[in-house]
Amino acid sequence: HSEVRACERISADRALMLACRAAVKLDPSACTADNLSSRADYCYELAAIALNDSGWCSMAQLGSPYGNDCYSHFAIKSANSSGCKMTTPETARDQCYLNYSVALDQPDICQKIINTLNRNRCIVYTAKANGDPSACNGLAHSDRISCYNNVITGVVPLRDAASCAAISQSETDVWQPRCFTALAIQKRDITICSQIADDGYRAACKDKMS
């Protein structure tokens, strides 16, 4: 009872206070005290996260942004993208897959997205957020080139040499050397230049490091 009373001290955020009540009492009905569906949905999400119980996500209205965020949270936490299937409409499901892919650096998950523009956006976001140019491989040629460029010249440090080595074989003549060169500069490690197959690019990389 003292724990429930402590919840009443949360005056600045009504939904958080209700979620506190619901979590302490393990009583979802506490979320509906105000008869406001959006507040109840937010309450369910907060309680789900507090209790680490994804079952509470399903108590929110179908298609609720809070319910969708709840499913997305647990999909990422459990490293199980199937949780995104519970989100609706399709645009919310696409966003869930994007969030999952970015958080876990799993660009293959983007292929679950039906809409081409959203799928490509997922791949680019994943590549840029993780400094992983190899994530760009799933794009068509012109988009792939743009993606490589954005990742290699981006603010996020390149992940590692393996991500450079995994650049699509059709682009190894230019973008793989550029990737290794950028990585060598970032890491201040001239030995990375040795992984460049082309003599000219390898020499140029070493020159930039000297």
Protein backbone atom coordinates (compact mmCIF):
# COMPACT_ATOMS: atom_id res chain seq x y z
CA HIS A 1 0.00 0.00 0.00
CA SER A 2 2.87 2.38 0.78
CA GLU A 3 4.23 1.74 -2.73
CA VAL A 4 0.88 2.65 -4.27
CA ARG A 5 0.77 5.83 -2.17
CA ALA A 6 4.23 6.71 -3.43
CA CYS A 7 2.79 6.69 -6.97
CA GLU A 8 0.50 9.58 -6.00
CA ARG A 9 3.56 11.79 -5.63
CA ILE A 10 4.06 11.66 -9.40
CA SER A 11 1.95 14.74 -10.10
CA ALA A 12 3.70 16.11 -13.17
CA ASP A 13 2.77 13.19 -15.43
CA ARG A 14 -0.67 11.71 -14.95
CA ALA A 15 -0.05 8.74 -17.28
CA LEU A 16 3.16 7.90 -15.43
CA MET A 17 1.33 8.03 -12.10
CA LEU A 18 -1.37 5.68 -13.40
CA ALA A 19 1.29 3.37 -14.85
CA CYS A 20 2.99 3.32 -11.47
CA ARG A 21 -0.29 2.26 -9.85
CA ALA A 22 -0.90 -0.38 -12.51
CA ALA A 23 2.61 -1.81 -12.23
CA VAL A 24 2.65 -1.91 -8.44
CA LYS A 25 -0.78 -3.52 -8.23
CA LEU A 26 -0.31 -5.57 -11.41
CA ASP A 27 -3.72 -4.22 -12.35
CA PRO A 28 -4.20 -2.96 -15.93
CA SER A 29 -7.52 -1.38 -15.00
CA ALA A 30 -5.59 1.33 -13.14
CA CYS A 31 -4.67 2.71 -16.58
CA THR A 32 -8.31 3.40 -17.44
CA ALA A 33 -9.07 5.52 -14.36
CA ASP A 34 -9.42 8.70 -16.41
CA ASN A 35 -11.47 7.17 -19.24
CA LEU A 36 -9.03 8.64 -21.76
CA SER A 37 -7.98 6.06 -24.31
CA SER A 38 -4.74 7.78 -25.36
CA ARG A 39 -3.64 8.18 -21.73
CA ALA A 40 -4.54 4.57 -21.03
CA ASP A 41 -2.49 3.42 -24.02
CA TYR A 42 0.52 5.41 -22.82
CA CYS A 43 0.00 3.97 -19.37
CA TYR A 44 0.05 0.43 -20.74
CA GLU A 45 3.30 1.14 -22.57
CA LEU A 46 4.96 2.59 -19.48
CA ALA A 47 3.78 -0.29 -17.30
CA ALA A 48 4.97 -2.84 -19.88
CA ILE A 49 8.46 -1.36 -19.87
CA ALA A 50 8.55 -1.03 -16.08
CA LEU A 51 7.48 -4.65 -15.62
CA ASN A 52 9.46 -5.90 -18.63
CA ASP A 53 6.26 -7.60 -19.78
CA SER A 54 5.35 -7.26 -23.46
CA GLY A 55 1.90 -8.66 -22.74
CA TRP A 56 0.78 -5.22 -21.63
CA CYS A 57 1.41 -3.85 -25.14
CA SER A 58 -1.65 -5.70 -26.45
CA MET A 59 -3.91 -3.86 -24.01
CA ALA A 60 -3.48 -0.66 -26.00
CA GLN A 61 -5.88 0.07 -28.85
CA LEU A 62 -4.94 -1.54 -32.15
CA GLY A 63 -2.83 0.94 -34.11
CA SER A 64 -2.20 3.17 -31.11
CA PRO A 65 1.19 4.94 -31.41
CA TYR A 66 1.91 3.96 -27.81
CA GLY A 67 1.04 0.35 -28.49
CA ASN A 68 3.21 0.39 -31.60
CA ASP A 69 6.11 1.92 -29.68
CA CYS A 70 5.63 -0.75 -27.04
CA TYR A 71 5.87 -3.58 -29.58
CA SER A 72 8.91 -1.91 -31.17
CA HIS A 73 10.63 -1.62 -27.79
CA PHE A 74 10.25 -5.29 -26.99
CA ALA A 75 11.12 -6.45 -30.50
CA ILE A 76 14.47 -4.69 -30.15
CA LYS A 77 14.98 -5.73 -26.53
CA SER A 78 14.38 -9.40 -27.34
CA ALA A 79 16.20 -9.20 -30.71
CA ASN A 80 13.11 -10.73 -32.30
CA SER A 81 11.72 -8.79 -35.25
CA SER A 82 8.48 -10.79 -35.25
CA GLY A 83 7.22 -8.36 -32.61
CA CYS A 84 6.93 -5.76 -35.37
CA LYS A 85 4.16 -7.82 -36.97
CA MET A 86 1.88 -6.65 -34.18
CA THR A 87 2.16 -3.00 -35.19
CA THR A 88 -0.37 -1.40 -37.51
CA PRO A 89 -0.93 0.26 -39.97
CA GLU A 90 1.74 -0.75 -42.47
CA THR A 91 3.63 2.55 -42.09
CA ALA A 92 4.00 1.88 -38.36
CA ARG A 93 5.20 -1.66 -39.09
CA ASP A 94 7.75 -0.24 -41.54
CA GLN A 95 8.97 2.14 -38.84
CA CYS A 96 9.26 -0.73 -36.39
CA TYR A 97 11.45 -2.68 -38.80
CA LEU A 98 13.55 0.46 -39.38
CA ASN A 99 14.00 1.01 -35.63
CA TYR A 100 14.94 -2.64 -35.20
CA SER A 101 17.41 -2.62 -38.08
CA VAL A 102 19.12 0.57 -36.89
CA ALA A 103 19.30 -0.55 -33.25
CA LEU A 104 20.73 -3.99 -34.00
CA ASP A 105 22.55 -3.20 -37.27
CA GLN A 106 20.57 -5.81 -39.18
CA PRO A 107 19.88 -4.33 -42.64
CA ASP A 108 18.45 -7.67 -43.86
CA ILE A 109 15.38 -6.91 -41.71
CA CYS A 110 14.65 -3.99 -44.06
CA GLN A 111 13.71 -6.56 -46.72
CA LYS A 112 10.57 -7.27 -44.71
CA ILE A 113 9.30 -3.82 -45.68
CA ILE A 114 6.98 -3.94 -48.69
CA ASN A 115 7.03 -0.26 -49.63
CA THR A 116 10.15 0.36 -51.76
CA LEU A 117 10.83 3.89 -50.52
CA ASN A 118 10.48 2.88 -46.89
CA ARG A 119 12.64 -0.19 -47.47
CA ASN A 120 15.41 1.89 -49.02
CA ARG A 121 15.13 4.45 -46.23
CA CYS A 122 15.52 1.65 -43.70
CA ILE A 123 18.71 0.43 -45.38
CA VAL A 124 20.24 3.92 -45.61
CA TYR A 125 19.37 4.79 -42.00
CA THR A 126 20.85 1.51 -40.80
CA ALA A 127 24.04 2.00 -42.78
CA LYS A 128 24.56 5.60 -41.64
CA ALA A 129 23.64 5.03 -38.00
CA ASN A 130 26.08 2.14 -37.65
CA GLY A 131 28.88 3.35 -39.90
CA ASP A 132 28.38 0.19 -41.93
CA PRO A 133 28.74 0.70 -45.70
CA SER A 134 28.12 -2.99 -46.39
CA ALA A 135 24.51 -2.39 -45.30
CA CYS A 136 24.13 -0.37 -48.53
CA ASN A 137 24.57 -3.54 -50.61
CA GLY A 138 20.82 -4.18 -50.64
CA LEU A 139 20.13 -1.03 -52.68
CA ALA A 140 19.94 -0.58 -56.46
CA HIS A 141 23.07 0.80 -58.13
CA SER A 142 22.54 4.60 -58.00
CA ASP A 143 21.08 4.49 -54.48
CA ARG A 144 23.88 2.16 -53.39
CA ILE A 145 26.58 4.59 -54.60
CA SER A 146 24.91 7.47 -52.77
CA CYS A 147 24.62 5.35 -49.64
CA TYR A 148 28.29 4.34 -49.70
CA ASN A 149 29.28 7.98 -50.05
CA ASN A 150 27.01 9.12 -47.21
CA VAL A 151 28.34 6.45 -44.85
CA ILE A 152 32.02 6.85 -45.68
CA THR A 153 31.89 10.66 -45.41
CA GLY A 154 29.36 10.70 -42.56
CA VAL A 155 29.75 11.81 -38.95
CA VAL A 156 29.43 8.29 -37.54
CA PRO A 157 32.82 6.51 -37.51
CA LEU A 158 33.12 3.52 -39.82
CA ARG A 159 32.44 0.31 -37.95
CA ASP A 160 35.42 -1.84 -38.93
CA ALA A 161 37.52 -3.23 -41.79
CA ALA A 162 35.10 -6.11 -42.26
CA SER A 163 32.33 -3.71 -43.24
CA CYS A 164 34.63 -2.18 -45.87
CA ALA A 165 35.64 -5.62 -47.14
CA ALA A 166 31.99 -6.61 -47.45
CA ILE A 167 31.12 -3.81 -49.87
CA SER A 168 29.37 -5.20 -52.94
CA GLN A 169 31.85 -6.84 -55.33
CA SER A 170 30.67 -4.67 -58.20
CA GLU A 171 31.84 -1.58 -56.29
CA THR A 172 35.16 -2.78 -54.89
CA ASP A 173 37.17 -0.91 -57.51
CA VAL A 174 36.30 2.50 -56.02
CA TRP A 175 34.28 2.36 -52.83
CA GLN A 176 36.17 -0.36 -51.03
CA PRO A 177 39.50 1.53 -51.30
CA ARG A 178 37.77 4.75 -50.21
CA CYS A 179 36.29 2.96 -47.25
CA PHE A 180 39.60 1.45 -46.15
CA THR A 181 41.31 4.84 -46.58
CA ALA A 182 38.69 6.65 -44.50
CA LEU A 183 38.90 3.94 -41.84
CA ALA A 184 42.70 4.12 -41.74
CA ILE A 185 42.51 7.88 -41.21
CA GLN A 186 39.85 7.52 -38.51
CA LYS A 187 41.78 4.81 -36.68
CA ARG A 188 45.17 6.40 -37.40
CA ASP A 189 46.32 2.98 -38.47
CA ILE A 190 48.35 2.79 -41.68
CA THR A 191 48.23 -1.02 -41.67
CA ILE A 192 44.59 -0.81 -42.77
CA CYS A 193 45.81 0.57 -46.11
CA SER A 194 47.42 -2.82 -46.79
CA GLN A 195 43.94 -4.32 -47.23
CA ILE A 196 43.44 -2.28 -50.42
CA ALA A 197 44.02 -4.53 -53.44
CA ASP A 198 44.70 -1.78 -56.00
CA ASP A 199 48.30 -0.58 -55.95
CA GLY A 200 47.41 3.03 -56.72
CA TYR A 201 44.73 3.36 -54.07
CA ARG A 202 46.91 1.55 -51.53
CA ALA A 203 49.78 3.94 -52.14
CA ALA A 204 47.44 6.94 -51.95
CA CYS A 205 46.11 5.69 -48.64
CA LYS A 206 49.61 5.37 -47.22
CA ASP A 207 50.51 8.82 -48.51
CA LYS A 208 47.57 10.32 -46.63
CA MET A 209 48.73 8.60 -43.47
CA SER A 210 52.34 9.78 -43.72
